[in-house]
Amino acid sequence: MSDQTDNLLYRLVYEIPGCEQICELRLLYAKKALQLLKRKNDRYCTLYGADAIQDVAAYIKEPPDSHLAVSCEKGESCRK
């Protein structure tokens, strides 16, 4: 992932109340994250670029790995 993709992922975590980790975007807040991407598309495109938006949307839509789901539920970091 590019730096801009990472920056957009962190931005979504910050903007979604209750979301504390990137892995939670697809485990618990996928619908809300995708709605935010759609609603703020123009703003995010200016700040992060179209590629970052596509990468983030693809990340959110892909099914989570089972070990990540368990780690996230336990409050462990999902990113290495």
PDB file of N, CA and C in Angstrom:
ATOM      1  N   MET A   1       0.833  -1.184   0.000  1.00  0.00           N
ATOM      2  CA  MET A   1       0.000   0.000   0.000  1.00  0.00           C
ATOM      3  C   MET A   1       0.876   1.246   0.000  1.00  0.00           C
ATOM      4  N   SER A   2       0.341   2.278  -0.601  1.00  0.00           N
ATOM      5  CA  SER A   2       1.078   3.537  -0.645  1.00  0.00           C
ATOM      6  C   SER A   2       0.869   4.329   0.651  1.00  0.00           C
ATOM      7  N   ASP A   3       1.687   5.333   0.829  1.00  0.00           N
ATOM      8  CA  ASP A   3       1.537   6.200   2.007  1.00  0.00           C
ATOM      9  C   ASP A   3       0.171   6.873   2.021  1.00  0.00           C
ATOM     10  N   GLN A   4      -0.299   7.278   0.841  1.00  0.00           N
ATOM     11  CA  GLN A   4      -1.599   7.942   0.766  1.00  0.00           C
ATOM     12  C   GLN A   4      -2.726   6.986   1.151  1.00  0.00           C
ATOM     13  N   THR A   5      -2.600   5.725   0.777  1.00  0.00           N
ATOM     14  CA  THR A   5      -3.598   4.724   1.163  1.00  0.00           C
ATOM     15  C   THR A   5      -3.600   4.560   2.676  1.00  0.00           C
ATOM     16  N   ASP A   6      -2.425   4.441   3.256  1.00  0.00           N
ATOM     17  CA  ASP A   6      -2.323   4.337   4.720  1.00  0.00           C
ATOM     18  C   ASP A   6      -2.914   5.573   5.397  1.00  0.00           C
ATOM     19  N   ASN A   7      -2.596   6.746   4.860  1.00  0.00           N
ATOM     20  CA  ASN A   7      -3.118   7.986   5.437  1.00  0.00           C
ATOM     21  C   ASN A   7      -4.644   8.017   5.397  1.00  0.00           C
ATOM     22  N   LEU A   8      -5.228   7.556   4.298  1.00  0.00           N
ATOM     23  CA  LEU A   8      -6.686   7.539   4.181  1.00  0.00           C
ATOM     24  C   LEU A   8      -7.295   6.521   5.142  1.00  0.00           C
ATOM     25  N   LEU A   9      -6.655   5.376   5.307  1.00  0.00           N
ATOM     26  CA  LEU A   9      -7.148   4.387   6.276  1.00  0.00           C
ATOM     27  C   LEU A   9      -7.172   4.982   7.684  1.00  0.00           C
ATOM     28  N   TYR A  10      -6.089   5.640   8.065  1.00  0.00           N
ATOM     29  CA  TYR A  10      -6.038   6.265   9.391  1.00  0.00           C
ATOM     30  C   TYR A  10      -7.067   7.389   9.521  1.00  0.00           C
ATOM     31  N   ARG A  11      -7.292   8.116   8.438  1.00  0.00           N
ATOM     32  CA  ARG A  11      -8.302   9.183   8.448  1.00  0.00           C
ATOM     33  C   ARG A  11      -9.687   8.607   8.732  1.00  0.00           C
ATOM     34  N   LEU A  12     -10.012   7.471   8.089  1.00  0.00           N
ATOM     35  CA  LEU A  12     -11.313   6.843   8.313  1.00  0.00           C
ATOM     36  C   LEU A  12     -11.444   6.358   9.754  1.00  0.00           C
ATOM     37  N   VAL A  13     -10.381   5.776  10.292  1.00  0.00           N
ATOM     38  CA  VAL A  13     -10.404   5.333  11.691  1.00  0.00           C
ATOM     39  C   VAL A  13     -10.696   6.529  12.589  1.00  0.00           C
ATOM     40  N   TYR A  14     -10.053   7.648  12.311  1.00  0.00           N
ATOM     41  CA  TYR A  14     -10.244   8.858  13.114  1.00  0.00           C
ATOM     42  C   TYR A  14     -11.669   9.401  12.990  1.00  0.00           C
ATOM     43  N   GLU A  15     -12.238   9.341  11.788  1.00  0.00           N
ATOM     44  CA  GLU A  15     -13.541   9.960  11.537  1.00  0.00           C
ATOM     45  C   GLU A  15     -14.732   9.104  11.962  1.00  0.00           C
ATOM     46  N   ILE A  16     -14.544   7.819  12.177  1.00  0.00           N
ATOM     47  CA  ILE A  16     -15.660   6.945  12.554  1.00  0.00           C
ATOM     48  C   ILE A  16     -15.652   6.768  14.070  1.00  0.00           C
ATOM     49  N   PRO A  17     -16.678   7.278  14.736  1.00  0.00           N
ATOM     50  CA  PRO A  17     -16.742   7.147  16.196  1.00  0.00           C
ATOM     51  C   PRO A  17     -16.726   5.678  16.633  1.00  0.00           C
ATOM     52  N   GLY A  18     -15.875   5.373  17.597  1.00  0.00           N
ATOM     53  CA  GLY A  18     -15.772   4.017  18.119  1.00  0.00           C
ATOM     54  C   GLY A  18     -14.742   3.157  17.420  1.00  0.00           C
ATOM     55  N   CYS A  19     -14.318   3.555  16.246  1.00  0.00           N
ATOM     56  CA  CYS A  19     -13.315   2.790  15.495  1.00  0.00           C
ATOM     57  C   CYS A  19     -11.934   3.172  16.021  1.00  0.00           C
ATOM     58  N   GLU A  20     -11.164   2.162  16.422  1.00  0.00           N
ATOM     59  CA  GLU A  20      -9.857   2.425  17.012  1.00  0.00           C
ATOM     60  C   GLU A  20      -8.697   1.822  16.232  1.00  0.00           C
ATOM     61  N   GLN A  21      -8.980   0.865  15.345  1.00  0.00           N
ATOM     62  CA  GLN A  21      -7.921   0.198  14.598  1.00  0.00           C
ATOM     63  C   GLN A  21      -8.335   0.056  13.138  1.00  0.00           C
ATOM     64  N   ILE A  22      -7.355  -0.026  12.269  1.00  0.00           N
ATOM     65  CA  ILE A  22      -7.638  -0.174  10.845  1.00  0.00           C
ATOM     66  C   ILE A  22      -8.417  -1.454  10.568  1.00  0.00           C
ATOM     67  N   CYS A  23      -8.091  -2.537  11.250  1.00  0.00           N
ATOM     68  CA  CYS A  23      -8.794  -3.800  10.981  1.00  0.00           C
ATOM     69  C   CYS A  23     -10.279  -3.697  11.311  1.00  0.00           C
ATOM     70  N   GLU A  24     -10.631  -2.805  12.211  1.00  0.00           N
ATOM     71  CA  GLU A  24     -12.041  -2.629  12.557  1.00  0.00           C
ATOM     72  C   GLU A  24     -12.839  -2.022  11.411  1.00  0.00           C
ATOM     73  N   LEU A  25     -12.165  -1.343  10.490  1.00  0.00           N
ATOM     74  CA  LEU A  25     -12.879  -0.752   9.361  1.00  0.00           C
ATOM     75  C   LEU A  25     -13.652  -1.811   8.588  1.00  0.00           C
ATOM     76  N   ARG A  26     -13.050  -2.972   8.375  1.00  0.00           N
ATOM     77  CA  ARG A  26     -13.778  -3.999   7.623  1.00  0.00           C
ATOM     78  C   ARG A  26     -14.484  -5.005   8.514  1.00  0.00           C
ATOM     79  N   LEU A  27     -14.049  -5.142   9.752  1.00  0.00           N
ATOM     80  CA  LEU A  27     -14.701  -6.096  10.654  1.00  0.00           C
ATOM     81  C   LEU A  27     -15.984  -5.539  11.251  1.00  0.00           C
ATOM     82  N   LEU A  28     -15.963  -4.286  11.655  1.00  0.00           N
ATOM     83  CA  LEU A  28     -17.086  -3.715  12.396  1.00  0.00           C
ATOM     84  C   LEU A  28     -17.741  -2.508  11.724  1.00  0.00           C
ATOM     85  N   TYR A  29     -16.991  -1.795  10.903  1.00  0.00           N
ATOM     86  CA  TYR A  29     -17.487  -0.527  10.370  1.00  0.00           C
ATOM     87  C   TYR A  29     -17.413  -0.450   8.846  1.00  0.00           C
ATOM     88  N   ALA A  30     -17.476  -1.576   8.161  1.00  0.00           N
ATOM     89  CA  ALA A  30     -17.329  -1.586   6.701  1.00  0.00           C
ATOM     90  C   ALA A  30     -18.378  -0.713   6.015  1.00  0.00           C
ATOM     91  N   LYS A  31     -19.622  -0.883   6.398  1.00  0.00           N
ATOM     92  CA  LYS A  31     -20.699  -0.121   5.757  1.00  0.00           C
ATOM     93  C   LYS A  31     -20.513   1.380   5.977  1.00  0.00           C
ATOM     94  N   LYS A  32     -20.199   1.757   7.199  1.00  0.00           N
ATOM     95  CA  LYS A  32     -20.004   3.173   7.529  1.00  0.00           C
ATOM     96  C   LYS A  32     -18.778   3.739   6.799  1.00  0.00           C
ATOM     97  N   ALA A  33     -17.704   2.956   6.718  1.00  0.00           N
ATOM     98  CA  ALA A  33     -16.489   3.416   6.036  1.00  0.00           C
ATOM     99  C   ALA A  33     -16.746   3.620   4.544  1.00  0.00           C
ATOM    100  N   LEU A  34     -17.462   2.692   3.923  1.00  0.00           N
ATOM    101  CA  LEU A  34     -17.769   2.826   2.500  1.00  0.00           C
ATOM    102  C   LEU A  34     -18.700   4.013   2.249  1.00  0.00           C
ATOM    103  N   GLN A  35     -19.632   4.252   3.152  1.00  0.00           N
ATOM    104  CA  GLN A  35     -20.514   5.419   3.026  1.00  0.00           C
ATOM    105  C   GLN A  35     -19.710   6.711   3.119  1.00  0.00           C
ATOM    106  N   LEU A  36     -18.755   6.746   4.024  1.00  0.00           N
ATOM    107  CA  LEU A  36     -17.911   7.927   4.175  1.00  0.00           C
ATOM    108  C   LEU A  36     -17.075   8.158   2.923  1.00  0.00           C
ATOM    109  N   LEU A  37     -16.516   7.072   2.364  1.00  0.00           N
ATOM    110  CA  LEU A  37     -15.734   7.192   1.131  1.00  0.00           C
ATOM    111  C   LEU A  37     -16.590   7.772   0.010  1.00  0.00           C
ATOM    112  N   LYS A  38     -17.818   7.310  -0.079  1.00  0.00           N
ATOM    113  CA  LYS A  38     -18.714   7.792  -1.130  1.00  0.00           C
ATOM    114  C   LYS A  38     -19.113   9.250  -0.891  1.00  0.00           C
ATOM    115  N   ARG A  39     -19.478   9.561   0.345  1.00  0.00           N
ATOM    116  CA  ARG A  39     -19.950  10.902   0.679  1.00  0.00           C
ATOM    117  C   ARG A  39     -18.854  11.964   0.536  1.00  0.00           C
ATOM    118  N   LYS A  40     -17.631  11.601   0.918  1.00  0.00           N
ATOM    119  CA  LYS A  40     -16.530  12.574   0.893  1.00  0.00           C
ATOM    120  C   LYS A  40     -15.540  12.279  -0.232  1.00  0.00           C
ATOM    121  N   ASN A  41     -16.022  11.657  -1.298  1.00  0.00           N
ATOM    122  CA  ASN A  41     -15.162  11.230  -2.397  1.00  0.00           C
ATOM    123  C   ASN A  41     -14.340  12.378  -2.973  1.00  0.00           C
ATOM    124  N   ASP A  42     -14.979  13.504  -3.258  1.00  0.00           N
ATOM    125  CA  ASP A  42     -14.255  14.633  -3.854  1.00  0.00           C
ATOM    126  C   ASP A  42     -13.150  15.142  -2.935  1.00  0.00           C
ATOM    127  N   ARG A  43     -13.464  15.265  -1.669  1.00  0.00           N
ATOM    128  CA  ARG A  43     -12.480  15.754  -0.692  1.00  0.00           C
ATOM    129  C   ARG A  43     -11.315  14.772  -0.556  1.00  0.00           C
ATOM    130  N   TYR A  44     -11.643  13.495  -0.394  1.00  0.00           N
ATOM    131  CA  TYR A  44     -10.598  12.482  -0.247  1.00  0.00           C
ATOM    132  C   TYR A  44      -9.761  12.352  -1.517  1.00  0.00           C
ATOM    133  N   CYS A  45     -10.402  12.514  -2.671  1.00  0.00           N
ATOM    134  CA  CYS A  45      -9.673  12.420  -3.935  1.00  0.00           C
ATOM    135  C   CYS A  45      -8.634  13.535  -4.025  1.00  0.00           C
ATOM    136  N   THR A  46      -9.011  14.724  -3.587  1.00  0.00           N
ATOM    137  CA  THR A  46      -8.083  15.851  -3.589  1.00  0.00           C
ATOM    138  C   THR A  46      -6.927  15.608  -2.616  1.00  0.00           C
ATOM    139  N   LEU A  47      -7.239  15.097  -1.437  1.00  0.00           N
ATOM    140  CA  LEU A  47      -6.219  14.902  -0.402  1.00  0.00           C
ATOM    141  C   LEU A  47      -5.340  13.675  -0.630  1.00  0.00           C
ATOM    142  N   TYR A  48      -5.945  12.566  -1.064  1.00  0.00           N
ATOM    143  CA  TYR A  48      -5.231  11.285  -1.088  1.00  0.00           C
ATOM    144  C   TYR A  48      -5.086  10.664  -2.475  1.00  0.00           C
ATOM    145  N   GLY A  49      -5.898  11.085  -3.439  1.00  0.00           N
ATOM    146  CA  GLY A  49      -5.833  10.554  -4.792  1.00  0.00           C
ATOM    147  C   GLY A  49      -6.810   9.412  -5.021  1.00  0.00           C
ATOM    148  N   ALA A  50      -7.192   9.246  -6.275  1.00  0.00           N
ATOM    149  CA  ALA A  50      -8.172   8.221  -6.651  1.00  0.00           C
ATOM    150  C   ALA A  50      -7.658   6.812  -6.371  1.00  0.00           C
ATOM    151  N   ASP A  51      -6.363   6.586  -6.573  1.00  0.00           N
ATOM    152  CA  ASP A  51      -5.800   5.248  -6.319  1.00  0.00           C
ATOM    153  C   ASP A  51      -5.947   4.851  -4.857  1.00  0.00           C
ATOM    154  N   ALA A  52      -5.720   5.790  -3.960  1.00  0.00           N
ATOM    155  CA  ALA A  52      -5.854   5.498  -2.527  1.00  0.00           C
ATOM    156  C   ALA A  52      -7.299   5.147  -2.187  1.00  0.00           C
ATOM    157  N   ILE A  53      -8.246   5.866  -2.767  1.00  0.00           N
ATOM    158  CA  ILE A  53      -9.658   5.580  -2.515  1.00  0.00           C
ATOM    159  C   ILE A  53     -10.011   4.183  -3.003  1.00  0.00           C
ATOM    160  N   GLN A  54      -9.548   3.822  -4.190  1.00  0.00           N
ATOM    161  CA  GLN A  54      -9.812   2.482  -4.733  1.00  0.00           C
ATOM    162  C   GLN A  54      -9.167   1.405  -3.870  1.00  0.00           C
ATOM    163  N   ASP A  55      -7.938   1.630  -3.443  1.00  0.00           N
ATOM    164  CA  ASP A  55      -7.240   0.653  -2.600  1.00  0.00           C
ATOM    165  C   ASP A  55      -7.950   0.454  -1.261  1.00  0.00           C
ATOM    166  N   VAL A  56      -8.386   1.542  -0.660  1.00  0.00           N
ATOM    167  CA  VAL A  56      -9.075   1.465   0.631  1.00  0.00           C
ATOM    168  C   VAL A  56     -10.420   0.762   0.477  1.00  0.00           C
ATOM    169  N   ALA A  57     -11.161   1.097  -0.567  1.00  0.00           N
ATOM    170  CA  ALA A  57     -12.451   0.442  -0.803  1.00  0.00           C
ATOM    171  C   ALA A  57     -12.255  -1.058  -1.008  1.00  0.00           C
ATOM    172  N   ALA A  58     -11.226  -1.441  -1.751  1.00  0.00           N
ATOM    173  CA  ALA A  58     -10.944  -2.864  -1.970  1.00  0.00           C
ATOM    174  C   ALA A  58     -10.564  -3.547  -0.658  1.00  0.00           C
ATOM    175  N   TYR A  59      -9.768  -2.881   0.162  1.00  0.00           N
ATOM    176  CA  TYR A  59      -9.378  -3.438   1.463  1.00  0.00           C
ATOM    177  C   TYR A  59     -10.604  -3.673   2.343  1.00  0.00           C
ATOM    178  N   ILE A  60     -11.488  -2.698   2.391  1.00  0.00           N
ATOM    179  CA  ILE A  60     -12.672  -2.797   3.248  1.00  0.00           C
ATOM    180  C   ILE A  60     -13.601  -3.904   2.770  1.00  0.00           C
ATOM    181  N   LYS A  61     -13.702  -4.076   1.455  1.00  0.00           N
ATOM    182  CA  LYS A  61     -14.625  -5.066   0.891  1.00  0.00           C
ATOM    183  C   LYS A  61     -14.103  -6.496   0.973  1.00  0.00           C
ATOM    184  N   GLU A  62     -12.781  -6.684   1.065  1.00  0.00           N
ATOM    185  CA  GLU A  62     -12.262  -8.056   1.086  1.00  0.00           C
ATOM    186  C   GLU A  62     -12.550  -8.704   2.432  1.00  0.00           C
ATOM    187  N   PRO A  63     -12.846 -10.014   2.413  1.00  0.00           N
ATOM    188  CA  PRO A  63     -13.169 -10.688   3.676  1.00  0.00           C
ATOM    189  C   PRO A  63     -11.955 -10.715   4.608  1.00  0.00           C
ATOM    190  N   PRO A  64     -12.174 -10.483   5.884  1.00  0.00           N
ATOM    191  CA  PRO A  64     -11.054 -10.483   6.833  1.00  0.00           C
ATOM    192  C   PRO A  64     -10.517 -11.890   7.060  1.00  0.00           C
ATOM    193  N   ASP A  65      -9.226 -11.977   7.306  1.00  0.00           N
ATOM    194  CA  ASP A  65      -8.623 -13.253   7.689  1.00  0.00           C
ATOM    195  C   ASP A  65      -9.117 -13.613   9.079  1.00  0.00           C
ATOM    196  N   SER A  66      -9.331 -14.885   9.320  1.00  0.00           N
ATOM    197  CA  SER A  66      -9.876 -15.298  10.618  1.00  0.00           C
ATOM    198  C   SER A  66      -8.947 -14.925  11.770  1.00  0.00           C
ATOM    199  N   HIS A  67      -7.628 -15.017  11.574  1.00  0.00           N
ATOM    200  CA  HIS A  67      -6.715 -14.675  12.667  1.00  0.00           C
ATOM    201  C   HIS A  67      -6.755 -13.180  12.966  1.00  0.00           C
ATOM    202  N   LEU A  68      -7.023 -12.358  11.945  1.00  0.00           N
ATOM    203  CA  LEU A  68      -7.146 -10.926  12.190  1.00  0.00           C
ATOM    204  C   LEU A  68      -8.403 -10.618  12.979  1.00  0.00           C
ATOM    205  N   ALA A  69      -9.472 -11.319  12.673  1.00  0.00           N
ATOM    206  CA  ALA A  69     -10.732 -11.098  13.388  1.00  0.00           C
ATOM    207  C   ALA A  69     -10.563 -11.422  14.866  1.00  0.00           C
ATOM    208  N   VAL A  70      -9.880 -12.506  15.164  1.00  0.00           N
ATOM    209  CA  VAL A  70      -9.657 -12.897  16.557  1.00  0.00           C
ATOM    210  C   VAL A  70      -8.767 -11.870  17.245  1.00  0.00           C
ATOM    211  N   SER A  71      -7.694 -11.444  16.585  1.00  0.00           N
ATOM    212  CA  SER A  71      -6.795 -10.445  17.164  1.00  0.00           C
ATOM    213  C   SER A  71      -7.529  -9.147  17.443  1.00  0.00           C
ATOM    214  N   CYS A  72      -8.345  -8.740  16.500  1.00  0.00           N
ATOM    215  CA  CYS A  72      -9.068  -7.481  16.640  1.00  0.00           C
ATOM    216  C   CYS A  72     -10.080  -7.562  17.782  1.00  0.00           C
ATOM    217  N   GLU A  73     -10.751  -8.684  17.908  1.00  0.00           N
ATOM    218  CA  GLU A  73     -11.715  -8.858  18.990  1.00  0.00           C
ATOM    219  C   GLU A  73     -11.033  -8.819  20.353  1.00  0.00           C
ATOM    220  N   LYS A  74      -9.794  -9.279  20.412  1.00  0.00           N
ATOM    221  CA  LYS A  74      -9.046  -9.277  21.670  1.00  0.00           C
ATOM    222  C   LYS A  74      -8.394  -7.926  21.937  1.00  0.00           C
ATOM    223  N   GLY A  75      -8.532  -6.996  20.991  1.00  0.00           N
ATOM    224  CA  GLY A  75      -7.943  -5.673  21.169  1.00  0.00           C
ATOM    225  C   GLY A  75      -6.481  -5.606  20.785  1.00  0.00           C
ATOM    226  N   GLU A  76      -5.980  -6.647  20.130  1.00  0.00           N
ATOM    227  CA  GLU A  76      -4.589  -6.652  19.703  1.00  0.00           C
ATOM    228  C   GLU A  76      -4.461  -5.882  18.396  1.00  0.00           C
ATOM    229  N   SER A  77      -3.269  -5.450  18.097  1.00  0.00           N
ATOM    230  CA  SER A  77      -3.030  -4.744  16.853  1.00  0.00           C
ATOM    231  C   SER A  77      -3.201  -5.687  15.677  1.00  0.00           C
ATOM    232  N   CYS A  78      -3.883  -5.225  14.661  1.00  0.00           N
ATOM    233  CA  CYS A  78      -4.143  -6.047  13.484  1.00  0.00           C
ATOM    234  C   CYS A  78      -3.103  -5.820  12.402  1.00  0.00           C
ATOM    235  N   ARG A  79      -2.321  -4.767  12.521  1.00  0.00           N
ATOM    236  CA  ARG A  79      -1.321  -4.457  11.498  1.00  0.00           C
ATOM    237  C   ARG A  79       0.054  -4.799  12.024  1.00  0.00           C
ATOM    238  N   LYS A  80       0.881  -5.257  11.138  1.00  0.00           N
ATOM    239  CA  LYS A  80       2.248  -5.614  11.528  1.00  0.00           C
ATOM    240  C   LYS A  80       3.211  -4.567  11.059  1.00  0.00           C
TER     241      LYS A  80
END
